Amino acid sequence: MIICALDMDLADYMAAPDFSAYVKTADDFLGDLKRSFSGVGSTESFATLGWPKARGLLEFKPEEITLWGGSNGSRKSMTAGQVMLDLAQQSYRSLTISLEMSARKTLERMFRQASARREPSPAECDRAAAVMRDRVWIFDHVGTMTQDRLCAVLRWAKATLRIEHALIDSMTKIVNGDDDYNGQKDFINRMTEVAKETGLHLHIVVHTRKPSESVERMPSKWDIKGSSSVSDLAHNVVTLWRNRTKEAEREAGKIVDVKAPDQVMDVQKQRNGEFEGKINLWFDPASLQLLEYPTHSAKPYVTGRSLEAAE
């Protein structure tokens, strides 16, 4: 489950592959085009969000990139961790490259989410590990990483572990400086190339600019730090907003509107999908799970449970 960075031999994965295989003819697509023009729709299904009300609204397709943006403390990494668990529940294999948090700390948080408990018992830890076994891997390295090494790790993980999704947390550990616009554009371009080359879906955590208002507004894709090319080049852009006003009122002993969301997931861009809009969620502080409705309670993830059975 944990991959030690020092134990990896990446020499064979540093160079880009021969792209001659990517040159296609019309005949290569003839069958698909005939089916499309004849009105025969595709039955292919893709990875999606785990909340039933959000299922199918946002799809994580192969060879694409999703940006997860938000301000400091907006639960970007926490949300992304829950999404990786949801992908495991859908039988997808993922690698989390958490460059801002140790593998142990990352897994500690995911174990709480998977068990739906603040302090899971040994038996509950075993069940949480079973949910992630052969589905979730963590890259054990905290600190910066070069683009070349990241590309090699992704190629290695695809070839060795057969992963389908990779979470990169975050871009700031790959590109040094919010004002390095060319570096940011080059990074997203390279990630696009690696996604296309490997068939991976890459989830990349990015930061938004610090709000100037006293009450933090919901960020847009234009608030992502750095070059506008970052959101322009990505296939999907999702921003996260945390309802700090509601939290402050609760802490002050005031009566709060329980129907007001604790978290808003805003799908601001989906290049190959129809939905763009907000998904309201509610936070359970004990399990660190984001819940579908304010009346819902956190539920543990179960080995081999399908999305339909999880409802």
Protein backbone atom coordinates (compact mmCIF):
# COMPACT_ATOMS: atom_id res chain seq x y z
CA MET A 1 0.00 0.00 0.00
CA ILE A 2 2.92 2.36 0.76
CA ILE A 3 5.59 2.79 -1.91
CA CYS A 4 9.00 3.95 -0.64
CA ALA A 5 10.52 6.49 -3.02
CA LEU A 6 14.07 5.36 -2.18
CA ASP A 7 13.38 1.78 -3.28
CA MET A 8 12.28 2.67 -6.81
CA ASP A 9 14.39 2.16 -9.93
CA LEU A 10 12.92 4.58 -12.46
CA ALA A 11 15.69 4.52 -15.07
CA ASP A 12 13.54 2.70 -17.62
CA TYR A 13 10.66 5.16 -17.19
CA MET A 14 12.43 8.52 -17.52
CA ALA A 15 12.29 8.82 -21.30
CA ALA A 16 9.11 9.48 -23.24
CA PRO A 17 7.99 6.52 -25.35
CA ASP A 18 7.89 6.19 -29.11
CA PHE A 19 4.75 8.03 -30.20
CA SER A 20 4.55 6.43 -33.67
CA ALA A 21 1.78 4.17 -32.36
CA TYR A 22 -0.37 7.25 -31.80
CA VAL A 23 -0.53 8.07 -35.52
CA LYS A 24 -3.92 6.80 -36.72
CA THR A 25 -5.77 6.44 -40.01
CA ALA A 26 -9.46 6.92 -40.76
CA ASP A 27 -9.86 3.13 -40.92
CA ASP A 28 -8.74 2.83 -37.30
CA PHE A 29 -11.86 4.74 -36.23
CA LEU A 30 -14.23 3.53 -38.96
CA GLY A 31 -16.16 1.08 -36.80
CA ASP A 32 -16.66 3.54 -33.96
CA LEU A 33 -17.76 6.29 -36.34
CA LYS A 34 -20.29 4.03 -38.04
CA ARG A 35 -21.84 3.12 -34.70
CA SER A 36 -21.89 6.77 -33.66
CA PHE A 37 -23.56 7.98 -36.87
CA SER A 38 -26.11 5.15 -36.74
CA GLY A 39 -27.26 6.30 -33.32
CA VAL A 40 -25.77 3.41 -31.37
CA GLY A 41 -24.61 4.98 -28.12
CA SER A 42 -21.61 3.89 -26.11
CA THR A 43 -22.27 1.65 -23.13
CA GLU A 44 -18.87 2.41 -21.62
CA SER A 45 -18.97 3.53 -18.01
CA PHE A 46 -16.41 5.72 -16.28
CA ALA A 47 -15.27 6.44 -12.75
CA THR A 48 -17.45 8.98 -11.00
CA LEU A 49 -18.18 10.61 -7.66
CA GLY A 50 -19.41 8.38 -4.85
CA TRP A 51 -22.40 10.36 -3.58
CA PRO A 52 -25.58 8.96 -5.21
CA LYS A 53 -26.94 12.41 -6.08
CA ALA A 54 -23.66 13.27 -7.83
CA ARG A 55 -23.17 9.97 -9.60
CA GLY A 56 -22.51 10.48 -13.29
CA LEU A 57 -22.50 14.28 -13.02
CA LEU A 58 -18.70 14.35 -13.13
CA GLU A 59 -16.84 11.50 -14.82
CA PHE A 60 -13.13 10.80 -14.53
CA LYS A 61 -12.26 9.46 -17.97
CA PRO A 62 -8.97 7.93 -19.11
CA GLU A 63 -6.38 10.26 -20.62
CA GLU A 64 -7.82 13.31 -18.84
CA ILE A 65 -6.88 15.71 -16.04
CA THR A 66 -9.05 17.04 -13.20
CA LEU A 67 -7.93 20.03 -11.15
CA TRP A 68 -9.07 20.21 -7.51
CA GLY A 69 -8.76 23.84 -6.39
CA GLY A 70 -9.42 25.72 -3.19
CA SER A 71 -7.93 28.03 -0.59
CA ASN A 72 -5.83 26.91 2.36
CA GLY A 73 -7.91 24.77 4.71
CA SER A 74 -10.72 24.18 2.20
CA ARG A 75 -10.39 20.38 2.60
CA LYS A 76 -8.89 19.82 -0.85
CA SER A 77 -6.69 16.91 0.19
CA MET A 78 -9.34 15.46 2.48
CA THR A 79 -11.94 15.53 -0.28
CA ALA A 80 -9.51 14.03 -2.76
CA GLY A 81 -8.74 11.22 -0.31
CA GLN A 82 -12.44 10.39 -0.03
CA VAL A 83 -12.72 10.42 -3.83
CA MET A 84 -9.86 7.88 -3.99
CA LEU A 85 -11.82 5.66 -1.58
CA ASP A 86 -14.90 6.04 -3.76
CA LEU A 87 -12.83 5.01 -6.78
CA ALA A 88 -11.62 1.94 -4.87
CA GLN A 89 -15.27 1.13 -4.13
CA GLN A 90 -15.81 1.20 -7.90
CA SER A 91 -12.86 -1.22 -8.33
CA TYR A 92 -10.44 1.37 -9.75
CA ARG A 93 -6.79 1.35 -8.73
CA SER A 94 -5.14 4.61 -7.67
CA LEU A 95 -1.81 6.05 -6.56
CA THR A 96 -1.73 9.05 -4.22
CA ILE A 97 1.41 11.17 -4.52
CA SER A 98 1.07 13.35 -1.43
CA LEU A 99 4.05 15.67 -1.41
CA GLU A 100 2.71 17.83 1.45
CA MET A 101 1.81 15.06 3.92
CA SER A 102 3.49 11.82 4.96
CA ALA A 103 2.12 8.49 3.78
CA ARG A 104 1.29 7.55 7.38
CA LYS A 105 -0.68 10.75 7.98
CA THR A 106 -2.46 10.39 4.65
CA LEU A 107 -3.50 6.84 5.51
CA GLU A 108 -4.51 7.81 9.04
CA ARG A 109 -7.03 10.22 7.57
CA MET A 110 -8.23 7.71 4.97
CA PHE A 111 -8.64 5.02 7.66
CA ARG A 112 -10.93 7.38 9.58
CA GLN A 113 -12.94 7.99 6.42
CA ALA A 114 -13.06 4.30 5.47
CA SER A 115 -14.08 3.17 8.97
CA ALA A 116 -16.42 6.13 9.64
CA ARG A 117 -14.81 6.42 13.08
CA ARG A 118 -12.64 9.02 14.79
CA GLU A 119 -10.55 6.28 16.40
CA PRO A 120 -11.06 2.99 14.56
CA SER A 121 -10.51 -0.20 16.53
CA PRO A 122 -7.91 -2.75 15.38
CA ALA A 123 -10.67 -4.78 13.70
CA GLU A 124 -11.97 -1.65 11.96
CA CYS A 125 -8.44 -0.84 10.81
CA ASP A 126 -8.23 -4.32 9.29
CA ARG A 127 -11.48 -3.72 7.42
CA ALA A 128 -10.30 -0.31 6.21
CA ALA A 129 -7.06 -1.84 4.95
CA ALA A 130 -9.05 -4.52 3.14
CA VAL A 131 -11.06 -1.83 1.33
CA MET A 132 -7.83 -0.30 0.04
CA ARG A 133 -5.88 -3.52 -0.61
CA ASP A 134 -4.87 -3.85 -4.27
CA ARG A 135 -6.80 -0.64 -4.95
CA VAL A 136 -5.02 2.22 -3.15
CA TRP A 137 -1.28 2.94 -3.10
CA ILE A 138 0.52 5.85 -1.40
CA PHE A 139 3.84 7.26 -2.63
CA ASP A 140 5.96 7.81 0.48
CA HIS A 141 7.79 11.08 -0.22
CA VAL A 142 7.29 14.54 1.24
CA GLY A 143 8.89 17.52 -0.47
CA THR A 144 9.53 18.76 -3.96
CA MET A 145 9.77 16.59 -7.05
CA THR A 146 10.98 17.30 -10.56
CA GLN A 147 8.63 16.96 -13.49
CA ASP A 148 10.88 14.30 -15.02
CA ARG A 149 10.75 12.15 -11.89
CA LEU A 150 7.00 12.59 -11.52
CA CYS A 151 6.45 11.47 -15.12
CA ALA A 152 8.65 8.44 -14.46
CA VAL A 153 6.73 7.54 -11.28
CA LEU A 154 3.44 7.72 -13.18
CA ARG A 155 4.74 5.53 -16.01
CA TRP A 156 6.16 3.05 -13.48
CA ALA A 157 2.90 2.91 -11.52
CA LYS A 158 0.88 2.30 -14.67
CA ALA A 159 3.21 -0.47 -15.88
CA THR A 160 3.84 -2.10 -12.48
CA LEU A 161 0.70 -1.54 -10.42
CA ARG A 162 -1.76 -1.14 -13.32
CA ILE A 163 -3.23 1.97 -11.72
CA GLU A 164 -5.93 3.94 -13.51
CA HIS A 165 -5.95 7.11 -11.40
CA ALA A 166 -3.22 9.19 -9.80
CA LEU A 167 -3.66 11.99 -7.27
CA ILE A 168 -0.88 14.61 -7.28
CA ASP A 169 -0.98 16.80 -4.18
CA SER A 170 0.00 19.42 -5.11
CA MET A 171 1.24 21.40 -8.10
CA THR A 172 3.16 23.80 -5.85
CA LYS A 173 5.57 20.98 -4.96
CA ILE A 174 6.34 20.42 -8.65
CA VAL A 175 6.50 24.00 -9.94
CA ASN A 176 8.46 26.42 -7.78
CA GLY A 177 6.74 29.77 -7.46
CA ASP A 178 3.23 31.07 -8.09
CA ASP A 179 4.63 33.51 -10.66
CA ASP A 180 6.36 30.84 -12.76
CA TYR A 181 3.67 30.96 -15.42
CA ASN A 182 5.71 29.21 -18.08
CA GLY A 183 6.64 26.47 -15.61
CA GLN A 184 2.99 25.93 -14.67
CA LYS A 185 1.91 25.80 -18.32
CA ASP A 186 4.71 23.35 -19.10
CA PHE A 187 3.72 21.18 -16.13
CA ILE A 188 0.07 20.88 -17.15
CA ASN A 189 1.12 20.26 -20.75
CA ARG A 190 3.41 17.44 -19.62
CA MET A 191 0.72 15.95 -17.41
CA THR A 192 -1.65 16.04 -20.38
CA GLU A 193 0.93 14.18 -22.45
CA VAL A 194 1.52 11.57 -19.73
CA ALA A 195 -2.23 11.07 -19.27
CA LYS A 196 -2.63 10.52 -23.00
CA GLU A 197 0.41 8.25 -23.16
CA THR A 198 -0.55 6.04 -20.20
CA GLY A 199 -4.34 6.23 -20.24
CA LEU A 200 -4.32 7.50 -16.65
CA HIS A 201 -6.73 10.00 -15.21
CA LEU A 202 -4.69 12.53 -13.24
CA HIS A 203 -6.19 14.39 -10.28
CA ILE A 204 -4.07 17.47 -9.48
CA VAL A 205 -4.53 19.61 -6.37
CA VAL A 206 -4.01 23.34 -6.95
CA HIS A 207 -4.35 26.38 -4.71
CA THR A 208 -6.55 29.42 -5.20
CA ARG A 209 -5.60 32.97 -4.36
CA LYS A 210 -6.21 34.25 -0.84
CA PRO A 211 -9.58 36.02 -0.81
CA SER A 212 -9.55 39.74 -0.09
CA GLU A 213 -13.06 39.74 1.39
CA SER A 214 -13.69 39.29 5.11
CA VAL A 215 -16.21 36.57 4.24
CA GLU A 216 -14.63 34.09 1.86
CA ARG A 217 -16.62 33.78 -1.36
CA MET A 218 -16.79 30.67 -3.47
CA PRO A 219 -13.72 30.52 -5.72
CA SER A 220 -13.89 30.20 -9.48
CA LYS A 221 -11.43 28.64 -11.89
CA TRP A 222 -10.06 32.14 -12.49
CA ASP A 223 -8.94 32.26 -8.84
CA ILE A 224 -6.45 29.40 -9.28
CA LYS A 225 -2.98 30.71 -8.49
CA GLY A 226 -0.63 31.26 -11.40
CA SER A 227 -1.17 31.10 -15.11
CA SER A 228 -4.65 30.97 -16.62
CA SER A 229 -3.25 28.20 -18.83
CA VAL A 230 -3.54 25.83 -15.85
CA SER A 231 -7.35 25.77 -15.99
CA ASP A 232 -7.45 26.28 -19.76
CA LEU A 233 -5.45 23.10 -20.43
CA ALA A 234 -7.21 20.85 -17.89
CA HIS A 235 -10.21 18.78 -18.93
CA ASN A 236 -12.09 19.26 -15.65
CA VAL A 237 -11.88 21.98 -13.01
CA VAL A 238 -13.48 21.54 -9.58
CA THR A 239 -13.26 24.18 -6.86
CA LEU A 240 -14.01 23.61 -3.18
CA TRP A 241 -15.52 26.09 -0.73
CA ARG A 242 -15.76 25.63 3.02
CA ASN A 243 -18.56 27.35 4.92
CA ARG A 244 -16.42 29.02 7.57
CA THR A 245 -19.22 31.44 8.52
CA LYS A 246 -21.43 28.53 9.59
CA GLU A 247 -18.53 27.02 11.55
CA ALA A 248 -17.84 30.31 13.33
CA GLU A 249 -21.50 30.73 14.26
CA ARG A 250 -21.66 27.20 15.65
CA GLU A 251 -18.49 27.73 17.69
CA ALA A 252 -19.96 30.96 19.06
CA GLY A 253 -23.00 29.06 20.29
CA LYS A 254 -25.37 30.56 17.75
CA ILE A 255 -28.22 28.69 16.10
CA VAL A 256 -27.11 27.68 12.60
CA ASP A 257 -29.07 26.66 9.55
CA VAL A 258 -28.34 22.93 9.37
CA LYS A 259 -29.60 22.88 5.80
CA ALA A 260 -26.83 25.25 4.72
CA PRO A 261 -23.99 23.16 3.23
CA ASP A 262 -20.71 22.75 5.10
CA GLN A 263 -18.87 22.28 1.82
CA VAL A 264 -19.62 23.14 -1.80
CA MET A 265 -18.03 21.25 -4.66
CA ASP A 266 -18.30 23.42 -7.76
CA VAL A 267 -17.74 21.70 -11.11
CA GLN A 268 -16.62 24.72 -13.09
CA LYS A 269 -15.46 22.94 -16.22
CA GLN A 270 -16.03 19.51 -17.75
CA ARG A 271 -14.74 19.44 -21.30
CA ASN A 272 -16.24 16.08 -22.24
CA GLY A 273 -19.32 16.15 -20.04
CA GLU A 274 -22.53 18.13 -19.80
CA PHE A 275 -22.78 19.00 -16.12
CA GLU A 276 -21.35 22.15 -14.63
CA GLY A 277 -22.65 23.35 -11.29
CA LYS A 278 -22.56 23.08 -7.51
CA ILE A 279 -22.86 19.98 -5.33
CA ASN A 280 -23.70 20.70 -1.68
CA LEU A 281 -22.14 18.46 0.97
CA TRP A 282 -22.11 18.19 4.79
CA PHE A 283 -19.04 17.45 6.92
CA ASP A 284 -18.80 14.82 9.64
CA PRO A 285 -15.84 15.86 11.84
CA ALA A 286 -15.45 12.45 13.51
CA SER A 287 -14.98 10.43 10.33
CA LEU A 288 -13.77 13.32 8.12
CA GLN A 289 -16.32 12.19 5.56
CA LEU A 290 -18.29 14.59 3.39
CA LEU A 291 -21.94 13.48 3.42
CA GLU A 292 -24.64 13.77 0.81
CA TYR A 293 -27.33 15.35 3.03
CA PRO A 294 -27.42 16.97 6.50
CA THR A 295 -29.58 14.14 7.84
CA HIS A 296 -27.11 11.43 6.78
CA SER A 297 -24.60 9.72 9.06
CA ALA A 298 -21.14 8.51 8.10
CA LYS A 299 -21.04 4.88 6.98
CA PRO A 300 -18.00 2.64 6.75
CA TYR A 301 -16.70 1.50 3.40
CA VAL A 302 -17.05 -2.25 2.86
CA THR A 303 -14.81 -4.56 0.83
CA GLY A 304 -16.28 -5.45 -2.52
CA ARG A 305 -19.36 -3.29 -2.07
CA SER A 306 -20.69 -1.79 -5.30
CA LEU A 307 -21.88 1.79 -5.57
CA GLU A 308 -25.50 0.63 -5.73
CA ALA A 309 -25.10 -1.46 -2.58
CA ALA A 310 -23.44 1.47 -0.80
CA GLU A 311 -26.59 3.61 -0.92
